[in-house]
Amino acid sequence: MNSLFLKIALWEKGLFFFINHNIKNRLFDIIFPFISRLGEEIPLLIIFTLIFLLGKKKAKITTIVAAMAIVISRLSVQILKHIFNRPRPFYVYNDINIFINTSTASFPSGHSTLVFAAATVLSFKYKGLSWLFLTCA
């Protein structure tokens, strides 16, 4: 079983370095920090507040469900980060490009979990746009 974990770790390290060294460019250095910020609570709060204020009853219910999903996802992430306590790559590897420096554990991704929770709720409400929400997430 240990050899399987070692193979996965080596594959993951290779993939990480491939992406970190070969896909880096100035455009991505500008775009990805902005995209990453969209996965934080404040932008999502603004989006759902607008939906709540401009929407009808079903939209208001959607925002309440989204708020609950966001809270549950945030709590789940914090619990799992504590359990796994996986360090960020820049603490483990040398010679990597960093675009966001944070001290929290790296797994699971809080941004990804938060955005997918919001996208899932929105996909149930706006079924025709679910492809857009999930693609953006």
N, C-alpha and C. Protein backbone atom coordinates (compact mmCIF):
# COMPACT_ATOMS: atom_id res chain seq x y z
N MET A 1 0.81 -1.20 0.00
CA MET A 1 0.00 0.00 0.00
C MET A 1 0.85 1.26 0.00
N ASN A 2 1.99 1.23 0.70
CA ASN A 2 2.87 2.40 0.74
C ASN A 2 3.39 2.75 -0.64
N SER A 3 3.63 1.75 -1.49
CA SER A 3 4.13 2.05 -2.84
C SER A 3 3.07 2.79 -3.64
N LEU A 4 1.80 2.51 -3.41
CA LEU A 4 0.74 3.23 -4.11
C LEU A 4 0.74 4.70 -3.70
N PHE A 5 0.87 4.96 -2.39
CA PHE A 5 0.93 6.35 -1.92
C PHE A 5 2.17 7.07 -2.45
N LEU A 6 3.28 6.36 -2.53
CA LEU A 6 4.50 6.94 -3.07
C LEU A 6 4.33 7.28 -4.54
N LYS A 7 3.71 6.39 -5.31
CA LYS A 7 3.45 6.65 -6.73
C LYS A 7 2.54 7.85 -6.91
N ILE A 8 1.51 7.93 -6.10
CA ILE A 8 0.58 9.07 -6.17
C ILE A 8 1.32 10.36 -5.82
N ALA A 9 2.13 10.33 -4.77
CA ALA A 9 2.88 11.51 -4.36
C ALA A 9 3.85 11.97 -5.44
N LEU A 10 4.53 11.03 -6.08
CA LEU A 10 5.46 11.38 -7.15
C LEU A 10 4.73 11.95 -8.37
N TRP A 11 3.59 11.33 -8.71
CA TRP A 11 2.78 11.83 -9.83
C TRP A 11 2.29 13.24 -9.52
N GLU A 12 1.79 13.45 -8.30
CA GLU A 12 1.28 14.75 -7.90
C GLU A 12 2.39 15.81 -7.93
N LYS A 13 3.57 15.46 -7.44
CA LYS A 13 4.70 16.39 -7.45
C LYS A 13 5.08 16.75 -8.88
N GLY A 14 5.13 15.76 -9.75
CA GLY A 14 5.46 16.01 -11.16
C GLY A 14 4.43 16.91 -11.82
N LEU A 15 3.15 16.66 -11.56
CA LEU A 15 2.09 17.49 -12.13
C LEU A 15 2.17 18.90 -11.59
N PHE A 16 2.41 19.03 -10.29
CA PHE A 16 2.52 20.35 -9.68
C PHE A 16 3.66 21.15 -10.33
N PHE A 17 4.85 20.53 -10.44
CA PHE A 17 5.98 21.24 -11.03
C PHE A 17 5.76 21.54 -12.50
N PHE A 18 5.11 20.64 -13.22
CA PHE A 18 4.81 20.90 -14.63
C PHE A 18 3.95 22.15 -14.76
N ILE A 19 2.87 22.21 -13.99
CA ILE A 19 1.97 23.36 -14.05
C ILE A 19 2.69 24.61 -13.55
N ASN A 20 3.38 24.49 -12.43
CA ASN A 20 4.01 25.65 -11.80
C ASN A 20 5.12 26.25 -12.65
N HIS A 21 5.83 25.43 -13.41
CA HIS A 21 6.97 25.95 -14.19
C HIS A 21 6.65 26.16 -15.67
N ASN A 22 5.73 25.37 -16.24
CA ASN A 22 5.52 25.42 -17.68
C ASN A 22 4.30 26.22 -18.12
N ILE A 23 3.37 26.44 -17.23
CA ILE A 23 2.16 27.15 -17.63
C ILE A 23 2.17 28.58 -17.12
N LYS A 24 3.16 28.94 -16.35
CA LYS A 24 3.28 30.29 -15.80
C LYS A 24 3.52 31.29 -16.93
N ASN A 25 2.76 32.39 -16.89
CA ASN A 25 2.98 33.49 -17.82
C ASN A 25 2.39 34.76 -17.22
N ARG A 26 2.71 35.90 -17.82
CA ARG A 26 2.28 37.19 -17.26
C ARG A 26 0.76 37.33 -17.20
N LEU A 27 0.08 36.87 -18.24
CA LEU A 27 -1.38 36.97 -18.27
C LEU A 27 -1.99 36.19 -17.11
N PHE A 28 -1.54 34.95 -16.91
CA PHE A 28 -2.06 34.14 -15.81
C PHE A 28 -1.72 34.76 -14.45
N ASP A 29 -0.54 35.38 -14.35
CA ASP A 29 -0.15 36.04 -13.10
C ASP A 29 -1.08 37.18 -12.75
N ILE A 30 -1.71 37.78 -13.75
CA ILE A 30 -2.68 38.86 -13.52
C ILE A 30 -4.07 38.29 -13.28
N ILE A 31 -4.48 37.32 -14.09
CA ILE A 31 -5.85 36.81 -14.06
C ILE A 31 -6.12 35.91 -12.86
N PHE A 32 -5.23 34.96 -12.56
CA PHE A 32 -5.54 33.96 -11.55
C PHE A 32 -5.66 34.49 -10.12
N PRO A 33 -4.85 35.47 -9.70
CA PRO A 33 -5.13 36.02 -8.37
C PRO A 33 -6.52 36.67 -8.29
N PHE A 34 -6.94 37.32 -9.38
CA PHE A 34 -8.29 37.90 -9.43
C PHE A 34 -9.35 36.80 -9.35
N ILE A 35 -9.18 35.75 -10.14
CA ILE A 35 -10.13 34.63 -10.12
C ILE A 35 -10.16 33.98 -8.74
N SER A 36 -9.00 33.84 -8.14
CA SER A 36 -8.93 33.25 -6.81
C SER A 36 -9.70 34.09 -5.79
N ARG A 37 -9.62 35.39 -5.91
CA ARG A 37 -10.35 36.29 -4.99
C ARG A 37 -11.87 36.15 -5.13
N LEU A 38 -12.33 35.77 -6.33
CA LEU A 38 -13.77 35.57 -6.52
C LEU A 38 -14.29 34.41 -5.67
N GLY A 39 -13.40 33.53 -5.27
CA GLY A 39 -13.79 32.39 -4.44
C GLY A 39 -13.78 32.69 -2.96
N GLU A 40 -13.69 33.94 -2.60
CA GLU A 40 -13.71 34.32 -1.19
C GLU A 40 -15.12 34.75 -0.80
N GLU A 41 -15.32 34.89 0.49
CA GLU A 41 -16.66 35.16 1.01
C GLU A 41 -17.24 36.49 0.55
N ILE A 42 -16.45 37.55 0.50
CA ILE A 42 -16.98 38.89 0.18
C ILE A 42 -17.58 38.96 -1.22
N PRO A 43 -16.88 38.52 -2.29
CA PRO A 43 -17.52 38.56 -3.61
C PRO A 43 -18.79 37.72 -3.67
N LEU A 44 -18.75 36.54 -3.04
CA LEU A 44 -19.95 35.70 -3.03
C LEU A 44 -21.07 36.35 -2.24
N LEU A 45 -20.73 37.01 -1.15
CA LEU A 45 -21.73 37.73 -0.36
C LEU A 45 -22.38 38.82 -1.20
N ILE A 46 -21.60 39.54 -1.97
CA ILE A 46 -22.14 40.59 -2.83
C ILE A 46 -23.08 40.00 -3.88
N ILE A 47 -22.64 38.92 -4.53
CA ILE A 47 -23.47 38.28 -5.55
C ILE A 47 -24.79 37.81 -4.97
N PHE A 48 -24.74 37.11 -3.83
CA PHE A 48 -25.97 36.59 -3.25
C PHE A 48 -26.84 37.68 -2.64
N THR A 49 -26.24 38.76 -2.17
CA THR A 49 -27.03 39.89 -1.69
C THR A 49 -27.80 40.52 -2.84
N LEU A 50 -27.16 40.67 -4.00
CA LEU A 50 -27.85 41.21 -5.17
C LEU A 50 -28.99 40.30 -5.61
N ILE A 51 -28.73 38.99 -5.62
CA ILE A 51 -29.80 38.04 -5.97
C ILE A 51 -30.94 38.16 -4.98
N PHE A 52 -30.62 38.28 -3.70
CA PHE A 52 -31.66 38.40 -2.67
C PHE A 52 -32.47 39.67 -2.86
N LEU A 53 -31.79 40.80 -3.08
CA LEU A 53 -32.48 42.08 -3.19
C LEU A 53 -33.28 42.22 -4.48
N LEU A 54 -32.77 41.66 -5.57
CA LEU A 54 -33.41 41.83 -6.88
C LEU A 54 -34.37 40.70 -7.23
N GLY A 55 -34.26 39.60 -6.51
CA GLY A 55 -35.04 38.42 -6.86
C GLY A 55 -36.40 38.36 -6.17
N LYS A 56 -37.17 37.40 -6.62
CA LYS A 56 -38.47 37.13 -6.02
C LYS A 56 -38.30 36.09 -4.91
N LYS A 57 -39.40 35.54 -4.45
CA LYS A 57 -39.38 34.63 -3.31
C LYS A 57 -38.42 33.45 -3.50
N LYS A 58 -38.45 32.80 -4.68
CA LYS A 58 -37.58 31.64 -4.91
C LYS A 58 -36.10 32.05 -4.90
N ALA A 59 -35.81 33.23 -5.41
CA ALA A 59 -34.43 33.71 -5.40
C ALA A 59 -33.98 33.97 -3.96
N LYS A 60 -34.87 34.50 -3.15
CA LYS A 60 -34.53 34.76 -1.75
C LYS A 60 -34.26 33.44 -1.02
N ILE A 61 -35.07 32.44 -1.30
CA ILE A 61 -34.86 31.12 -0.70
C ILE A 61 -33.52 30.55 -1.16
N THR A 62 -33.21 30.75 -2.45
CA THR A 62 -31.93 30.28 -2.99
C THR A 62 -30.76 30.91 -2.24
N THR A 63 -30.85 32.20 -1.95
CA THR A 63 -29.75 32.86 -1.25
C THR A 63 -29.60 32.34 0.17
N ILE A 64 -30.71 32.03 0.81
CA ILE A 64 -30.64 31.47 2.17
C ILE A 64 -30.00 30.08 2.13
N VAL A 65 -30.40 29.26 1.15
CA VAL A 65 -29.80 27.93 1.00
C VAL A 65 -28.31 28.07 0.67
N ALA A 66 -27.97 29.03 -0.18
CA ALA A 66 -26.56 29.27 -0.53
C ALA A 66 -25.76 29.67 0.71
N ALA A 67 -26.33 30.53 1.52
CA ALA A 67 -25.63 30.95 2.74
C ALA A 67 -25.37 29.74 3.64
N MET A 68 -26.38 28.87 3.78
CA MET A 68 -26.19 27.66 4.59
C MET A 68 -25.12 26.76 3.98
N ALA A 69 -25.13 26.62 2.65
CA ALA A 69 -24.14 25.78 1.98
C ALA A 69 -22.74 26.34 2.17
N ILE A 70 -22.62 27.65 2.11
CA ILE A 70 -21.32 28.30 2.29
C ILE A 70 -20.81 28.10 3.71
N VAL A 71 -21.68 28.26 4.68
CA VAL A 71 -21.28 28.06 6.08
C VAL A 71 -20.87 26.61 6.31
N ILE A 72 -21.67 25.67 5.81
CA ILE A 72 -21.35 24.25 5.98
C ILE A 72 -20.04 23.90 5.28
N SER A 73 -19.85 24.43 4.06
CA SER A 73 -18.61 24.13 3.34
C SER A 73 -17.40 24.72 4.07
N ARG A 74 -17.54 25.93 4.60
CA ARG A 74 -16.43 26.57 5.31
C ARG A 74 -16.07 25.77 6.58
N LEU A 75 -17.09 25.35 7.32
CA LEU A 75 -16.83 24.55 8.52
C LEU A 75 -16.19 23.21 8.17
N SER A 76 -16.70 22.57 7.12
CA SER A 76 -16.16 21.28 6.69
C SER A 76 -14.69 21.42 6.30
N VAL A 77 -14.38 22.48 5.55
CA VAL A 77 -13.00 22.70 5.13
C VAL A 77 -12.09 22.89 6.34
N GLN A 78 -12.52 23.67 7.30
CA GLN A 78 -11.68 23.92 8.48
C GLN A 78 -11.43 22.63 9.26
N ILE A 79 -12.45 21.80 9.38
CA ILE A 79 -12.29 20.52 10.08
C ILE A 79 -11.31 19.63 9.32
N LEU A 80 -11.49 19.53 7.99
CA LEU A 80 -10.62 18.67 7.19
C LEU A 80 -9.20 19.20 7.12
N LYS A 81 -9.03 20.53 7.06
CA LYS A 81 -7.68 21.10 7.08
C LYS A 81 -6.97 20.72 8.38
N HIS A 82 -7.71 20.74 9.48
CA HIS A 82 -7.13 20.37 10.77
C HIS A 82 -6.76 18.88 10.79
N ILE A 83 -7.61 18.04 10.22
CA ILE A 83 -7.36 16.59 10.22
C ILE A 83 -6.15 16.26 9.35
N PHE A 84 -6.12 16.78 8.11
CA PHE A 84 -5.05 16.44 7.17
C PHE A 84 -3.78 17.24 7.41
N ASN A 85 -3.93 18.50 7.80
CA ASN A 85 -2.81 19.39 8.10
C ASN A 85 -1.70 19.30 7.05
N ARG A 86 -2.10 19.36 5.80
CA ARG A 86 -1.16 19.23 4.69
C ARG A 86 -0.51 20.58 4.40
N PRO A 87 0.82 20.65 4.43
CA PRO A 87 1.49 21.94 4.21
C PRO A 87 1.36 22.42 2.76
N ARG A 88 1.44 23.71 2.59
CA ARG A 88 1.44 24.31 1.26
C ARG A 88 2.72 23.90 0.52
N PRO A 89 2.64 23.78 -0.81
CA PRO A 89 3.83 23.35 -1.57
C PRO A 89 5.07 24.20 -1.33
N PHE A 90 4.90 25.52 -1.13
CA PHE A 90 6.09 26.35 -0.97
C PHE A 90 6.80 26.11 0.36
N TYR A 91 6.17 25.39 1.29
CA TYR A 91 6.85 24.98 2.52
C TYR A 91 7.62 23.68 2.32
N VAL A 92 7.24 22.92 1.29
CA VAL A 92 7.81 21.60 1.08
C VAL A 92 8.87 21.60 -0.03
N TYR A 93 8.60 22.33 -1.12
CA TYR A 93 9.48 22.31 -2.29
C TYR A 93 10.21 23.63 -2.44
N ASN A 94 11.37 23.56 -3.06
CA ASN A 94 12.13 24.75 -3.43
C ASN A 94 11.85 25.07 -4.90
N ASP A 95 12.23 26.26 -5.31
CA ASP A 95 12.16 26.65 -6.71
C ASP A 95 10.74 26.54 -7.28
N ILE A 96 9.80 27.16 -6.60
CA ILE A 96 8.44 27.21 -7.14
C ILE A 96 7.97 28.65 -7.23
N ASN A 97 7.04 28.88 -8.12
CA ASN A 97 6.43 30.19 -8.30
C ASN A 97 5.21 30.29 -7.39
N ILE A 98 5.15 31.35 -6.61
CA ILE A 98 4.05 31.54 -5.66
C ILE A 98 3.22 32.74 -6.11
N PHE A 99 1.89 32.58 -6.22
CA PHE A 99 1.10 33.77 -6.49
C PHE A 99 0.21 34.16 -5.34
N ILE A 100 0.01 33.30 -4.39
CA ILE A 100 -0.70 33.68 -3.17
C ILE A 100 0.03 33.03 -2.01
N ASN A 101 0.39 33.82 -1.03
CA ASN A 101 1.13 33.32 0.12
C ASN A 101 0.20 33.30 1.33
N THR A 102 -0.07 32.12 1.84
CA THR A 102 -0.93 31.97 3.00
C THR A 102 -0.35 30.90 3.91
N SER A 103 -0.71 30.96 5.15
CA SER A 103 -0.14 30.01 6.11
C SER A 103 -1.09 28.86 6.45
N THR A 104 -2.30 28.87 5.90
CA THR A 104 -3.24 27.79 6.22
C THR A 104 -2.84 26.51 5.51
N ALA A 105 -3.35 25.40 5.99
CA ALA A 105 -3.08 24.11 5.36
C ALA A 105 -3.63 24.13 3.93
N SER A 106 -3.05 23.29 3.08
CA SER A 106 -3.40 23.37 1.66
C SER A 106 -4.56 22.47 1.25
N PHE A 107 -4.92 21.51 2.08
CA PHE A 107 -5.97 20.57 1.68
C PHE A 107 -7.01 20.44 2.76
N PRO A 108 -8.27 20.51 2.36
CA PRO A 108 -8.81 20.79 1.02
C PRO A 108 -8.80 22.29 0.72
N SER A 109 -9.01 22.62 -0.53
CA SER A 109 -9.01 24.02 -0.95
C SER A 109 -10.28 24.71 -0.47
N GLY A 110 -10.11 25.74 0.33
CA GLY A 110 -11.27 26.51 0.80
C GLY A 110 -11.96 27.23 -0.33
N HIS A 111 -11.17 27.80 -1.26
CA HIS A 111 -11.75 28.51 -2.40
C HIS A 111 -12.59 27.57 -3.26
N SER A 112 -12.01 26.43 -3.60
CA SER A 112 -12.73 25.48 -4.46
C SER A 112 -14.01 24.99 -3.81
N THR A 113 -13.92 24.64 -2.55
CA THR A 113 -15.09 24.14 -1.84
C THR A 113 -16.18 25.19 -1.76
N LEU A 114 -15.80 26.41 -1.44
CA LEU A 114 -16.75 27.51 -1.32
C LEU A 114 -17.43 27.79 -2.65
N VAL A 115 -16.65 27.88 -3.72
CA VAL A 115 -17.20 28.20 -5.03
C VAL A 115 -18.08 27.07 -5.54
N PHE A 116 -17.68 25.83 -5.33
CA PHE A 116 -18.52 24.72 -5.79
C PHE A 116 -19.81 24.63 -4.98
N ALA A 117 -19.77 24.96 -3.71
CA ALA A 117 -21.01 24.99 -2.91
C ALA A 117 -21.97 26.02 -3.48
N ALA A 118 -21.45 27.21 -3.75
CA ALA A 118 -22.29 28.27 -4.32
C ALA A 118 -22.79 27.90 -5.71
N ALA A 119 -21.90 27.36 -6.55
CA ALA A 119 -22.27 26.98 -7.92
C ALA A 119 -23.33 25.88 -7.92
N THR A 120 -23.23 24.95 -6.99
CA THR A 120 -24.21 23.86 -6.91
C THR A 120 -25.59 24.41 -6.56
N VAL A 121 -25.64 25.29 -5.58
CA VAL A 121 -26.94 25.88 -5.19
C VAL A 121 -27.51 26.68 -6.36
N LEU A 122 -26.70 27.50 -6.99
CA LEU A 122 -27.18 28.29 -8.13
C LEU A 122 -27.63 27.39 -9.28
N SER A 123 -26.96 26.27 -9.46
CA SER A 123 -27.33 25.34 -10.54
C SER A 123 -28.71 24.73 -10.32
N PHE A 124 -29.08 24.52 -9.07
CA PHE A 124 -30.43 24.00 -8.80
C PHE A 124 -31.49 25.06 -9.09
N LYS A 125 -31.19 26.31 -8.81
CA LYS A 125 -32.15 27.39 -9.03
C LYS A 125 -32.24 27.77 -10.50
N TYR A 126 -31.08 27.92 -11.13
CA TYR A 126 -31.01 28.36 -12.52
C TYR A 126 -30.43 27.22 -13.37
N LYS A 127 -31.27 26.20 -13.60
CA LYS A 127 -30.82 24.97 -14.26
C LYS A 127 -30.18 25.23 -15.63
N GLY A 128 -30.71 26.17 -16.38
CA GLY A 128 -30.19 26.47 -17.71
C GLY A 128 -28.79 27.06 -17.69
N LEU A 129 -28.39 27.60 -16.55
CA LEU A 129 -27.06 28.21 -16.43
C LEU A 129 -26.10 27.35 -15.61
N SER A 130 -26.53 26.14 -15.26
CA SER A 130 -25.69 25.31 -14.40
C SER A 130 -24.34 25.02 -15.06
N TRP A 131 -24.32 24.86 -16.37
CA TRP A 131 -23.05 24.63 -17.08
C TRP A 131 -22.10 25.80 -16.84
N LEU A 132 -22.63 27.02 -16.81
CA LEU A 132 -21.79 28.21 -16.61
C LEU A 132 -21.26 28.26 -15.18
N PHE A 133 -22.15 28.04 -14.21
CA PHE A 133 -21.73 28.10 -12.80
C PHE A 133 -20.67 27.04 -12.50
N LEU A 134 -20.91 25.82 -12.96
CA LEU A 134 -19.98 24.74 -12.65
C LEU A 134 -18.66 24.89 -13.42
N THR A 135 -18.73 25.42 -14.63
CA THR A 135 -17.50 25.68 -15.39
C THR A 135 -16.68 26.77 -14.71
N CYS A 136 -17.33 27.81 -14.27
CA CYS A 136 -16.62 28.90 -13.56
C CYS A 136 -16.03 28.39 -12.25
N ALA A 137 -16.78 27.55 -11.57
CA ALA A 137 -16.27 27.00 -10.29
C ALA A 137 -15.04 26.17 -10.55
